[in-house]
Amino acid sequence: MNAARTHQAAAWMRGWASMAMAIAVSATIGAAAWAQAGASASSEPNAASTPGTPAVPSSAPSSAASAIAVPAATPAPLHGMVIDADTKQGIPLAHVVSGDVTVRTDHDGHFSLPANLAGQTVGARMPGYRQQQGKLQAGSAGPTVLPLRKFQARGLYLSAYGIGSSKLRGDALTLMAQTDLNTLVIDIKGDAGIVPYRSEAWAALGYPKQTVVTVRDMPALIKDLHERGIYLIGRIVTFKDDKMAHAKPQWAVKTSSGAMFKDREGLSWLDPSIPDAWEPAVTMAEEAAKLGFDEIQFDYVRFPDTPGLVFSQPNTWEVRPFMISAFLDKARQRLAKYNVYVSADIFGYVCWNLNDTFIGQQLEMLSDRLDYLSPMLYPSGFTWGIPGHVMAVGSPYEIVHHSLQAAIERSGMSGVRFRPWLQAFKDYAFDKRVFGEQEIRLQIQAADDVHTQGWLLWNAGNHYSTAGLNVKKVAVPASASSAASTPASASASTPASAKPSSAHAASRP
């Protein structure tokens, strides 16, 4: 990797054997047993265990023996191992977490945790695998072994309206049963600030009262989707946050005149250079992790791409990527105890540009802070094409393949750390062509050829088909769960005016 992760090798420790030393004293005092206990290699010696013979008192009751308390031995740490479920080999540098304690496995996959965590839940994860959890074992029951299974995400996006619509959600689940799709990306906080479920975090953060709730029982829906074997990614639109910008205008991006900035959709943004403005996204991410999402994906984790805006810090290439990196550091720290993966969506051109693309996204600075990076490799978004392929929509394979290859070579990361967004919508920038069977298949093939951690299909209206996908010979129909089939405040057929437009989401940078 370009910037090596800190290698936190687990230490396998042995306690020292206790040594007893009998010291003869006057018959009127009797015999006193003096014991000196060894401390573990990581402990500081205490006064009671300092070597040496204590002074004998000049007089003492003849009927009592003088004794020194023996300090308790430091409990041995709990040992465990993270292994590949298929090969049974240890997985080095896997993340292991129990409560607020996080460690990494050593080069053989071993780890150690404090003894007081015995019986507690322990989780493990490593990019390219599904995370796993179990119970920390002690004594004869140990060591704890956590097997991880390799996993490649192949997914679809569903908006807050899509997940709440029995029609759109049902169509997506049927398609997943018919194909090798295994992942859903679901809006936790969408572009317009819609949260699909009744959120306690939303209210506590000071957002205006939720007027639209599309999923009546999110925990039940998550349980149902997990029982189907579906990997769940919670998408959080980060700094494009019109509702919070109006609730706390002191956090909003400003124009040179001092007015609140509005983008092409008329939405205001939070200033990424104000640390207090990071809290809404991080808190919503924590809530999603507690609900049971497997991964948190931050979208719009960047500065606006409009020139001439005013932020709390200088709008320079030194400041922008530093602030985005600091936000991701905070998010990763807060999410660590939930054993969820953390990812972010990045501009497609970030794979190529050595600078921060003027939005704070610099590839090498992002790599150490995320489990997965999802470059948005929609050919329609490559306005200037790439070297050798100016007409991007005519080269869907090359756009995806060459962009990923450039990112892998630059960052030094393996392909398993990348999971691109692919175009499953009509072109809006070149010749308005429909992206169908051939275009989608070529994009998927390109991602597979560089051995990525899968891919995700984007369609703003959540309309998908089998085009370009591997269809199973025997399709098993999937019905939507009853927990989500009756939205609380939105009908299955959400009014078109309330849905994000295809043009909007298609051009989502």
Protein backbone atom coordinates (compact mmCIF):
# COMPACT_ATOMS: atom_id res chain seq x y z
CA MET A 1 0.00 0.00 0.00
CA ASN A 2 1.09 3.58 -0.57
CA ALA A 3 0.84 4.37 3.11
CA ALA A 4 1.29 1.24 5.14
CA ARG A 5 -1.29 0.50 7.77
CA THR A 6 0.05 0.29 11.31
CA HIS A 7 0.84 -3.35 12.04
CA GLN A 8 -0.53 -4.11 15.46
CA ALA A 9 0.75 -7.65 15.97
CA ALA A 10 -0.90 -9.59 18.76
CA ALA A 11 1.48 -10.41 21.64
CA TRP A 12 1.33 -13.91 23.01
CA MET A 13 2.21 -13.54 26.66
CA ARG A 14 3.13 -16.01 29.40
CA GLY A 15 2.72 -15.36 33.08
CA TRP A 16 5.70 -15.87 35.32
CA ALA A 17 5.55 -18.65 37.92
CA SER A 18 5.07 -17.49 41.49
CA MET A 19 8.13 -17.92 43.69
CA ALA A 20 7.77 -18.62 47.43
CA MET A 21 10.49 -17.74 49.90
CA ALA A 22 10.28 -18.89 53.54
CA ILE A 23 12.12 -16.74 56.01
CA ALA A 24 12.82 -18.00 59.53
CA VAL A 25 12.18 -15.56 62.36
CA SER A 26 11.99 -15.69 66.15
CA ALA A 27 9.98 -18.57 67.65
CA THR A 28 7.81 -16.06 69.50
CA ILE A 29 6.63 -14.67 66.20
CA GLY A 30 6.40 -17.93 64.30
CA ALA A 31 7.00 -18.46 60.62
CA ALA A 32 5.79 -15.85 58.13
CA ALA A 33 5.21 -16.87 54.54
CA TRP A 34 6.48 -14.30 52.12
CA ALA A 35 5.46 -14.66 48.52
CA GLN A 36 6.54 -12.73 45.56
CA ALA A 37 4.31 -12.97 42.47
CA GLY A 38 5.66 -12.33 39.03
CA ALA A 39 3.93 -9.68 36.96
CA SER A 40 3.21 -10.01 33.26
CA ALA A 41 5.74 -8.58 30.82
CA SER A 42 3.54 -5.56 30.20
CA SER A 43 2.93 -4.66 33.88
CA GLU A 44 4.80 -2.28 36.15
CA PRO A 45 6.21 -3.89 39.37
CA ASN A 46 4.42 -2.87 42.53
CA ALA A 47 5.81 -2.29 46.02
CA ALA A 48 4.63 -5.62 47.39
CA SER A 49 6.58 -7.57 44.76
CA THR A 50 9.88 -5.72 45.12
CA PRO A 51 12.67 -8.24 45.83
CA GLY A 52 14.35 -8.13 49.20
CA THR A 53 13.89 -9.31 52.80
CA PRO A 54 11.65 -7.09 54.93
CA ALA A 55 12.83 -5.93 58.35
CA VAL A 56 11.74 -8.13 61.25
CA PRO A 57 9.84 -6.20 63.91
CA SER A 58 11.53 -6.00 67.35
CA SER A 59 8.48 -7.35 69.11
CA ALA A 60 5.15 -8.83 68.16
CA PRO A 61 2.31 -10.82 69.70
CA SER A 62 3.47 -14.34 70.29
CA SER A 63 0.22 -15.88 69.10
CA ALA A 64 0.02 -14.30 65.64
CA ALA A 65 2.04 -14.70 62.49
CA SER A 66 2.91 -11.60 60.48
CA ALA A 67 1.98 -11.95 56.80
CA ILE A 68 2.35 -9.89 53.63
CA ALA A 69 -0.54 -9.87 51.11
CA VAL A 70 0.26 -11.65 47.85
CA PRO A 71 -0.68 -9.52 44.83
CA ALA A 72 -3.01 -11.18 42.36
CA ALA A 73 -1.36 -12.36 39.17
CA THR A 74 -2.25 -10.43 36.03
CA PRO A 75 -4.86 -12.49 34.13
CA ALA A 76 -3.56 -13.98 30.92
CA PRO A 77 -4.86 -12.27 27.79
CA LEU A 78 -7.44 -13.93 25.58
CA HIS A 79 -6.04 -15.37 22.39
CA GLY A 80 -7.74 -15.93 19.07
CA MET A 81 -7.27 -16.27 15.36
CA VAL A 82 -8.98 -14.95 12.24
CA ILE A 83 -8.92 -17.46 9.39
CA ASP A 84 -10.10 -17.84 5.82
CA ALA A 85 -13.18 -20.08 6.06
CA ASP A 86 -12.16 -22.02 2.96
CA THR A 87 -8.39 -22.38 3.25
CA LYS A 88 -8.28 -22.36 7.08
CA GLN A 89 -5.21 -20.13 6.82
CA GLY A 90 -4.75 -17.14 9.11
CA ILE A 91 -5.68 -13.71 7.74
CA PRO A 92 -3.02 -11.08 8.53
CA LEU A 93 -3.95 -7.50 9.47
CA ALA A 94 -7.64 -8.28 9.96
CA HIS A 95 -9.54 -5.87 12.18
CA VAL A 96 -10.71 -7.38 15.49
CA VAL A 97 -13.04 -5.51 17.83
CA SER A 98 -14.67 -6.21 21.18
CA GLY A 99 -16.43 -3.35 22.90
CA ASP A 100 -14.20 -0.30 22.62
CA VAL A 101 -11.03 -2.36 22.09
CA THR A 102 -9.74 -2.77 18.55
CA VAL A 103 -6.62 -4.62 17.42
CA ARG A 104 -5.17 -6.06 14.21
CA THR A 105 -4.09 -9.64 13.66
CA ASP A 106 -0.42 -10.48 13.21
CA HIS A 107 1.10 -11.98 10.06
CA ASP A 108 -0.33 -15.41 11.00
CA GLY A 109 -3.81 -14.16 11.82
CA HIS A 110 -3.45 -14.29 15.62
CA PHE A 111 -4.72 -11.66 18.03
CA SER A 112 -4.85 -11.02 21.78
CA LEU A 113 -7.43 -9.11 23.83
CA PRO A 114 -7.66 -8.23 27.54
CA ALA A 115 -8.83 -11.00 29.86
CA ASN A 116 -11.74 -8.95 31.19
CA LEU A 117 -13.45 -9.30 27.80
CA ALA A 118 -14.02 -13.05 28.26
CA GLY A 119 -17.52 -13.99 27.18
CA GLN A 120 -18.03 -10.74 25.30
CA THR A 121 -18.90 -10.44 21.62
CA VAL A 122 -15.90 -10.17 19.32
CA GLY A 123 -16.05 -9.23 15.65
CA ALA A 124 -13.59 -9.47 12.78
CA ARG A 125 -13.47 -8.04 9.31
CA MET A 126 -11.09 -7.71 6.39
CA PRO A 127 -11.71 -6.18 2.96
CA GLY A 128 -12.71 -8.91 0.54
CA TYR A 129 -14.55 -10.92 3.22
CA ARG A 130 -17.90 -10.82 4.99
CA GLN A 131 -17.45 -9.73 8.59
CA GLN A 132 -18.02 -12.28 11.35
CA GLN A 133 -18.63 -12.24 15.07
CA GLY A 134 -18.56 -14.69 17.97
CA LYS A 135 -17.90 -14.94 21.70
CA LEU A 136 -14.48 -14.54 23.27
CA GLN A 137 -13.49 -17.81 24.92
CA ALA A 138 -11.20 -18.24 27.91
CA GLY A 139 -9.39 -21.12 29.58
CA SER A 140 -9.88 -24.58 28.16
CA ALA A 141 -12.53 -23.27 25.75
CA GLY A 142 -10.08 -20.97 23.97
CA PRO A 143 -8.63 -19.79 21.70
CA THR A 144 -11.42 -18.06 19.77
CA VAL A 145 -11.43 -18.76 16.03
CA LEU A 146 -13.30 -16.43 13.66
CA PRO A 147 -13.67 -17.76 10.09
CA LEU A 148 -14.28 -15.15 7.37
CA ARG A 149 -15.79 -16.01 4.01
CA LYS A 150 -14.66 -14.29 0.84
CA PHE A 151 -17.23 -11.95 -0.59
CA GLN A 152 -17.68 -9.91 -3.75
CA ALA A 153 -20.52 -7.39 -3.69
CA ARG A 154 -22.80 -7.16 -6.73
CA GLY A 155 -25.46 -4.63 -5.97
CA LEU A 156 -28.23 -2.18 -6.76
CA TYR A 157 -29.12 1.21 -5.34
CA LEU A 158 -32.51 1.89 -3.75
CA SER A 159 -33.46 5.39 -2.64
CA ALA A 160 -35.51 6.15 0.47
CA TYR A 161 -38.57 5.97 -1.77
CA GLY A 162 -37.38 2.83 -3.52
CA ILE A 163 -36.88 0.85 -0.33
CA GLY A 164 -40.28 1.97 0.93
CA SER A 165 -42.13 1.14 -2.28
CA SER A 166 -43.49 -2.40 -2.35
CA LYS A 167 -43.26 -2.29 -6.16
CA LEU A 168 -39.67 -1.06 -6.51
CA ARG A 169 -38.38 -3.06 -3.57
CA GLY A 170 -40.23 -6.16 -4.72
CA ASP A 171 -38.86 -5.81 -8.25
CA ALA A 172 -35.33 -5.48 -6.86
CA LEU A 173 -35.70 -8.58 -4.68
CA THR A 174 -37.14 -10.58 -7.57
CA LEU A 175 -34.21 -9.51 -9.75
CA MET A 176 -31.79 -10.54 -7.01
CA ALA A 177 -33.40 -13.97 -6.85
CA GLN A 178 -33.09 -14.33 -10.63
CA THR A 179 -29.45 -13.26 -10.87
CA ASP A 180 -26.19 -13.31 -8.90
CA LEU A 181 -26.90 -9.92 -7.30
CA ASN A 182 -26.30 -10.03 -3.54
CA THR A 183 -26.12 -6.44 -2.29
CA LEU A 184 -28.44 -3.48 -1.74
CA VAL A 185 -27.30 0.10 -1.24
CA ILE A 186 -30.07 1.87 0.68
CA ASP A 187 -30.36 5.57 1.44
CA ILE A 188 -29.97 6.35 5.12
CA LYS A 189 -29.87 10.06 4.34
CA GLY A 190 -30.53 10.87 0.72
CA ASP A 191 -29.72 13.84 -1.50
CA ALA A 192 -32.81 15.77 -0.42
CA GLY A 193 -32.39 14.81 3.23
CA ILE A 194 -35.00 12.06 3.28
CA VAL A 195 -34.47 9.33 5.90
CA PRO A 196 -36.64 6.26 5.17
CA TYR A 197 -37.33 5.31 8.81
CA ARG A 198 -38.31 7.20 11.96
CA SER A 199 -34.88 8.30 13.21
CA GLU A 200 -34.02 9.19 16.80
CA ALA A 201 -30.65 10.56 15.71
CA TRP A 202 -32.31 12.88 13.19
CA ALA A 203 -34.38 14.57 15.86
CA ALA A 204 -31.49 14.78 18.35
CA LEU A 205 -29.26 16.47 15.78
CA GLY A 206 -31.67 19.36 15.36
CA TYR A 207 -33.04 18.55 11.92
CA PRO A 208 -36.60 19.66 11.17
CA LYS A 209 -39.34 17.16 11.95
CA GLN A 210 -39.52 14.24 9.54
CA THR A 211 -42.53 14.62 7.27
CA VAL A 212 -41.90 11.55 5.12
CA VAL A 213 -41.22 8.06 6.49
CA THR A 214 -41.27 5.31 3.88
CA VAL A 215 -40.35 2.25 5.99
CA ARG A 216 -42.51 1.47 9.01
CA ASP A 217 -40.17 -1.02 10.68
CA MET A 218 -36.55 -0.78 9.56
CA PRO A 219 -35.17 -3.39 12.02
CA ALA A 220 -37.68 -5.95 10.72
CA LEU A 221 -36.82 -5.10 7.12
CA ILE A 222 -33.10 -5.45 7.80
CA LYS A 223 -33.70 -8.81 9.46
CA ASP A 224 -35.71 -9.98 6.46
CA LEU A 225 -33.05 -8.87 3.98
CA HIS A 226 -30.27 -10.49 5.99
CA GLU A 227 -32.23 -13.74 6.12
CA ARG A 228 -32.22 -13.63 2.31
CA GLY A 229 -28.41 -13.43 2.43
CA ILE A 230 -28.31 -9.83 1.22
CA TYR A 231 -25.38 -7.59 2.13
CA LEU A 232 -26.64 -4.16 3.20
CA ILE A 233 -24.86 -0.87 2.58
CA GLY A 234 -26.25 2.29 4.16
CA ARG A 235 -25.64 5.34 1.94
CA ILE A 236 -25.25 8.68 3.69
CA VAL A 237 -25.14 11.90 1.69
CA THR A 238 -22.62 13.82 3.75
CA PHE A 239 -21.97 17.51 3.05
CA LYS A 240 -24.77 18.10 0.57
CA ASP A 241 -27.25 18.72 3.40
CA ASP A 242 -29.82 21.40 2.69
CA LYS A 243 -31.89 20.73 5.79
CA MET A 244 -29.01 21.05 8.25
CA ALA A 245 -27.57 24.03 6.38
CA HIS A 246 -30.83 25.89 7.04
CA ALA A 247 -31.08 24.62 10.61
CA LYS A 248 -27.52 25.79 11.34
CA PRO A 249 -26.62 28.46 8.76
CA GLN A 250 -23.31 29.09 10.52
CA TRP A 251 -22.22 25.71 9.15
CA ALA A 252 -23.28 26.42 5.56
CA VAL A 253 -21.06 27.06 2.55
CA LYS A 254 -21.27 30.72 1.51
CA THR A 255 -20.87 32.63 -1.72
CA SER A 256 -18.46 35.55 -2.03
CA SER A 257 -21.35 37.89 -1.18
CA GLY A 258 -21.97 36.07 2.10
CA ALA A 259 -25.21 34.45 0.94
CA MET A 260 -25.87 30.76 1.47
CA PHE A 261 -24.63 28.75 -1.50
CA LYS A 262 -27.14 26.72 -3.53
CA ASP A 263 -26.10 24.12 -6.08
CA ARG A 264 -27.70 23.35 -9.46
CA GLU A 265 -30.58 21.61 -7.69
CA GLY A 266 -31.15 24.55 -5.34
CA LEU A 267 -29.70 22.66 -2.37
CA SER A 268 -27.29 24.10 0.19
CA TRP A 269 -24.19 22.39 1.56
CA LEU A 270 -22.41 22.10 4.88
CA ASP A 271 -18.85 23.43 5.02
CA PRO A 272 -16.49 20.41 5.22
CA SER A 273 -13.83 22.60 6.85
CA ILE A 274 -15.99 23.10 9.98
CA PRO A 275 -15.47 20.06 12.27
CA ASP A 276 -18.82 20.61 14.03
CA ALA A 277 -20.52 20.14 10.66
CA TRP A 278 -19.21 16.57 10.51
CA GLU A 279 -21.42 15.42 13.37
CA PRO A 280 -24.72 14.93 11.48
CA ALA A 281 -23.25 12.42 9.04
CA VAL A 282 -21.24 10.58 11.69
CA THR A 283 -24.19 10.32 14.08
CA MET A 284 -26.51 9.06 11.33
CA ALA A 285 -23.83 6.53 10.38
CA GLU A 286 -23.69 5.26 13.95
CA GLU A 287 -27.45 4.83 14.01
CA ALA A 288 -27.32 2.84 10.76
CA ALA A 289 -24.58 0.63 12.19
CA LYS A 290 -26.66 -0.05 15.28
CA LEU A 291 -29.62 -0.95 13.06
CA GLY A 292 -27.55 -3.70 11.49
CA PHE A 293 -26.18 -2.37 8.20
CA ASP A 294 -23.04 -4.22 7.13
CA GLU A 295 -21.34 -1.19 5.64
CA ILE A 296 -21.59 2.59 5.79
CA GLN A 297 -21.01 4.42 2.52
CA PHE A 298 -20.41 8.17 2.56
CA ASP A 299 -21.48 9.98 -0.61
CA TYR A 300 -20.84 13.65 -1.38
CA VAL A 301 -17.93 13.43 1.03
CA ARG A 302 -16.30 16.38 -0.69
CA PHE A 303 -16.29 20.12 -1.24
CA PRO A 304 -18.72 21.54 -3.82
CA ASP A 305 -17.18 21.75 -7.29
CA THR A 306 -18.45 25.31 -7.87
CA PRO A 307 -15.60 27.87 -8.02
CA GLY A 308 -15.48 31.05 -5.95
CA LEU A 309 -17.15 29.73 -2.79
CA VAL A 310 -16.20 30.75 0.74
CA PHE A 311 -15.33 28.28 3.50
CA SER A 312 -14.13 28.65 7.07
CA GLN A 313 -10.62 27.65 5.94
CA PRO A 314 -8.65 28.66 2.83
CA ASN A 315 -9.98 26.92 -0.27
CA THR A 316 -6.66 25.35 -1.27
CA TRP A 317 -5.43 21.92 -2.28
CA GLU A 318 -3.51 21.69 1.00
CA VAL A 319 -6.61 22.32 3.12
CA ARG A 320 -9.36 20.49 1.21
CA PRO A 321 -8.00 16.91 1.27
CA PHE A 322 -6.81 17.38 4.84
CA MET A 323 -10.34 18.24 6.01
CA ILE A 324 -11.94 15.36 4.10
CA SER A 325 -9.35 12.98 5.56
CA ALA A 326 -9.96 14.31 9.08
CA PHE A 327 -13.71 13.75 8.67
CA LEU A 328 -13.13 10.15 7.56
CA ASP A 329 -10.75 9.58 10.47
CA LYS A 330 -13.45 10.69 12.89
CA ALA A 331 -16.13 8.58 11.21
CA ARG A 332 -13.93 5.49 11.15
CA GLN A 333 -13.04 5.91 14.82
CA ARG A 334 -16.68 6.26 15.87
CA LEU A 335 -17.80 3.30 13.75
CA ALA A 336 -14.99 0.91 14.71
CA LYS A 337 -16.82 -0.75 17.60
CA TYR A 338 -19.74 -1.76 15.38
CA ASN A 339 -17.56 -3.95 13.12
CA VAL A 340 -18.94 -2.34 9.96
CA TYR A 341 -17.04 -1.63 6.79
CA VAL A 342 -16.57 2.02 5.83
CA SER A 343 -16.54 3.19 2.21
CA ALA A 344 -16.92 6.38 0.20
CA ASP A 345 -17.99 7.41 -3.27
CA ILE A 346 -15.43 9.40 -5.24
CA PHE A 347 -15.37 11.22 -8.59
CA GLY A 348 -14.33 9.04 -11.51
CA TYR A 349 -11.58 11.45 -12.46
CA VAL A 350 -10.04 11.08 -8.97
CA CYS A 351 -8.59 7.82 -10.32
CA TRP A 352 -6.59 9.87 -12.80
CA ASN A 353 -5.95 13.28 -11.24
CA LEU A 354 -2.86 13.67 -9.08
CA ASN A 355 -4.39 16.63 -7.26
CA ASP A 356 -7.61 16.65 -5.23
CA THR A 357 -9.78 17.42 -8.29
CA PHE A 358 -10.55 20.71 -6.46
CA ILE A 359 -13.03 18.90 -4.19
CA GLY A 360 -10.79 17.45 -1.48
CA GLN A 361 -10.65 13.89 -2.86
CA GLN A 362 -7.03 12.81 -3.28
CA LEU A 363 -6.63 9.10 -3.89
CA GLU A 364 -3.54 8.42 -1.80
CA MET A 365 -4.96 10.28 1.22
CA LEU A 366 -8.24 8.37 1.05
CA SER A 367 -6.75 4.89 0.81
CA ASP A 368 -5.72 4.52 4.47
CA ARG A 369 -9.04 5.75 5.80
CA LEU A 370 -11.49 3.52 3.99
CA ASP A 371 -12.11 -0.17 3.58
CA TYR A 372 -13.53 0.35 0.10
CA LEU A 373 -13.46 3.15 -2.45
CA SER A 374 -16.31 3.40 -4.95
CA PRO A 375 -15.27 5.55 -7.91
CA MET A 376 -18.28 6.62 -9.95
CA LEU A 377 -17.20 5.35 -13.34
CA TYR A 378 -20.27 6.30 -15.35
CA PRO A 379 -19.10 6.90 -18.92
CA SER A 380 -21.58 9.78 -19.14
CA GLY A 381 -19.67 11.52 -16.36
CA PHE A 382 -16.34 11.50 -18.22
CA THR A 383 -16.91 14.76 -20.07
CA TRP A 384 -13.38 14.87 -21.48
CA GLY A 385 -13.02 11.13 -21.88
CA ILE A 386 -9.76 9.41 -20.97
CA PRO A 387 -6.51 9.01 -22.93
CA GLY A 388 -7.36 7.27 -26.19
CA HIS A 389 -11.12 7.35 -25.60
CA VAL A 390 -12.64 10.80 -25.98
CA MET A 391 -16.18 9.56 -26.66
CA ALA A 392 -16.63 7.97 -23.26
CA VAL A 393 -20.08 6.44 -23.78
CA GLY A 394 -18.72 4.56 -26.78
CA SER A 395 -16.06 2.90 -24.62
CA PRO A 396 -17.76 1.64 -21.45
CA TYR A 397 -15.26 -1.20 -20.95
CA GLU A 398 -12.22 1.04 -21.36
CA ILE A 399 -13.56 3.80 -19.10
CA VAL A 400 -14.09 1.37 -16.24
CA HIS A 401 -11.05 -0.85 -16.79
CA HIS A 402 -8.47 1.87 -17.43
CA SER A 403 -9.73 4.07 -14.59
CA LEU A 404 -9.54 1.23 -12.09
CA GLN A 405 -6.15 0.15 -13.39
CA ALA A 406 -4.83 3.69 -13.01
CA ALA A 407 -6.14 3.89 -9.43
CA ILE A 408 -4.67 0.52 -8.47
CA GLU A 409 -1.25 1.35 -9.89
CA ARG A 410 -1.18 4.80 -8.29
CA SER A 411 -2.36 3.78 -4.85
CA GLY A 412 -0.54 0.47 -4.59
CA MET A 413 -3.75 -1.08 -3.30
CA SER A 414 -5.16 -4.35 -4.55
CA GLY A 415 -8.26 -4.40 -6.67
CA VAL A 416 -10.24 -5.81 -3.74
CA ARG A 417 -10.24 -2.33 -2.17
CA PHE A 418 -12.24 -0.89 -5.09
CA ARG A 419 -15.92 -1.37 -5.82
CA PRO A 420 -17.02 0.92 -8.69
CA TRP A 421 -20.40 2.42 -9.39
CA LEU A 422 -21.52 1.48 -12.91
CA GLN A 423 -23.99 3.19 -15.22
CA ALA A 424 -27.44 1.62 -15.52
CA PHE A 425 -29.25 4.69 -16.87
CA LYS A 426 -29.62 6.52 -20.17
CA ASP A 427 -26.76 8.76 -21.26
CA TYR A 428 -27.34 12.45 -20.56
CA ALA A 429 -24.08 14.02 -21.77
CA PHE A 430 -23.21 12.68 -25.21
CA ASP A 431 -25.68 11.00 -27.58
CA LYS A 432 -28.51 10.03 -25.18
CA ARG A 433 -27.99 6.34 -25.81
CA VAL A 434 -29.67 3.76 -23.61
CA PHE A 435 -27.30 1.74 -21.45
CA GLY A 436 -28.60 -1.76 -21.95
CA GLU A 437 -27.35 -5.32 -22.20
CA GLN A 438 -24.03 -4.68 -23.94
CA GLU A 439 -23.03 -1.50 -22.10
CA ILE A 440 -23.78 -2.90 -18.65
CA ARG A 441 -22.13 -6.24 -19.42
CA LEU A 442 -18.95 -4.53 -20.63
CA GLN A 443 -18.72 -2.40 -17.49
CA ILE A 444 -19.13 -5.45 -15.26
CA GLN A 445 -16.54 -7.36 -17.27
CA ALA A 446 -14.07 -4.50 -16.87
CA ALA A 447 -14.51 -4.46 -13.09
CA ASP A 448 -14.11 -8.23 -12.93
CA ASP A 449 -10.98 -8.15 -15.09
CA VAL A 450 -9.10 -6.02 -12.56
CA HIS A 451 -10.32 -8.20 -9.67
CA THR A 452 -12.30 -5.56 -7.80
CA GLN A 453 -14.47 -6.17 -4.74
CA GLY A 454 -17.49 -6.30 -7.02
CA TRP A 455 -19.56 -3.46 -8.44
CA LEU A 456 -22.75 -1.46 -7.89
CA LEU A 457 -25.39 -0.42 -10.43
CA TRP A 458 -26.85 3.08 -10.22
CA ASN A 459 -30.25 4.10 -11.50
CA ALA A 460 -31.91 7.10 -9.85
CA GLY A 461 -35.43 5.85 -10.42
CA ASN A 462 -34.48 2.39 -9.12
CA HIS A 463 -35.57 0.73 -12.38
CA TYR A 464 -33.42 -2.30 -13.15
CA SER A 465 -33.63 -5.33 -15.41
CA THR A 466 -31.64 -8.47 -16.14
CA ALA A 467 -29.77 -6.59 -18.88
CA GLY A 468 -26.07 -7.36 -18.59
CA LEU A 469 -26.50 -9.61 -15.54
CA ASN A 470 -25.90 -13.33 -15.07
CA VAL A 471 -29.34 -14.91 -14.95
CA LYS A 472 -29.80 -18.11 -12.99
CA LYS A 473 -31.28 -21.08 -14.80
CA VAL A 474 -33.93 -21.53 -12.13
CA ALA A 475 -35.36 -18.28 -10.79
CA VAL A 476 -36.80 -18.22 -7.30
CA PRO A 477 -39.40 -15.45 -6.93
CA ALA A 478 -38.89 -13.15 -3.95
CA SER A 479 -41.72 -11.45 -2.11
CA ALA A 480 -41.24 -8.24 -0.18
CA SER A 481 -41.26 -8.51 3.59
CA SER A 482 -44.46 -7.58 5.36
CA ALA A 483 -42.51 -5.34 7.71
CA ALA A 484 -41.78 -2.91 4.92
CA SER A 485 -44.68 -3.40 2.56
CA THR A 486 -46.78 -0.73 4.23
CA PRO A 487 -44.87 2.53 4.46
CA ALA A 488 -45.90 4.76 7.35
CA SER A 489 -46.14 8.03 5.49
CA ALA A 490 -45.64 7.27 1.83
CA SER A 491 -47.64 5.05 -0.46
CA ALA A 492 -46.10 2.37 -2.61
CA SER A 493 -46.55 4.61 -5.63
CA THR A 494 -44.74 7.73 -4.49
CA PRO A 495 -45.70 10.83 -6.50
CA ALA A 496 -43.25 11.50 -9.30
CA SER A 497 -42.59 14.99 -7.96
CA ALA A 498 -41.24 13.51 -4.73
CA LYS A 499 -38.83 11.13 -6.41
CA PRO A 500 -35.30 12.11 -7.42
CA SER A 501 -35.10 12.52 -11.18
CA SER A 502 -32.99 10.26 -13.34
CA ALA A 503 -31.08 13.24 -14.64
CA HIS A 504 -30.24 14.32 -11.13
CA ALA A 505 -28.94 10.98 -9.96
CA ALA A 506 -27.33 10.17 -13.27
CA SER A 507 -25.15 13.23 -12.98
CA ARG A 508 -24.49 12.70 -9.28
CA PRO A 509 -20.78 13.31 -8.88
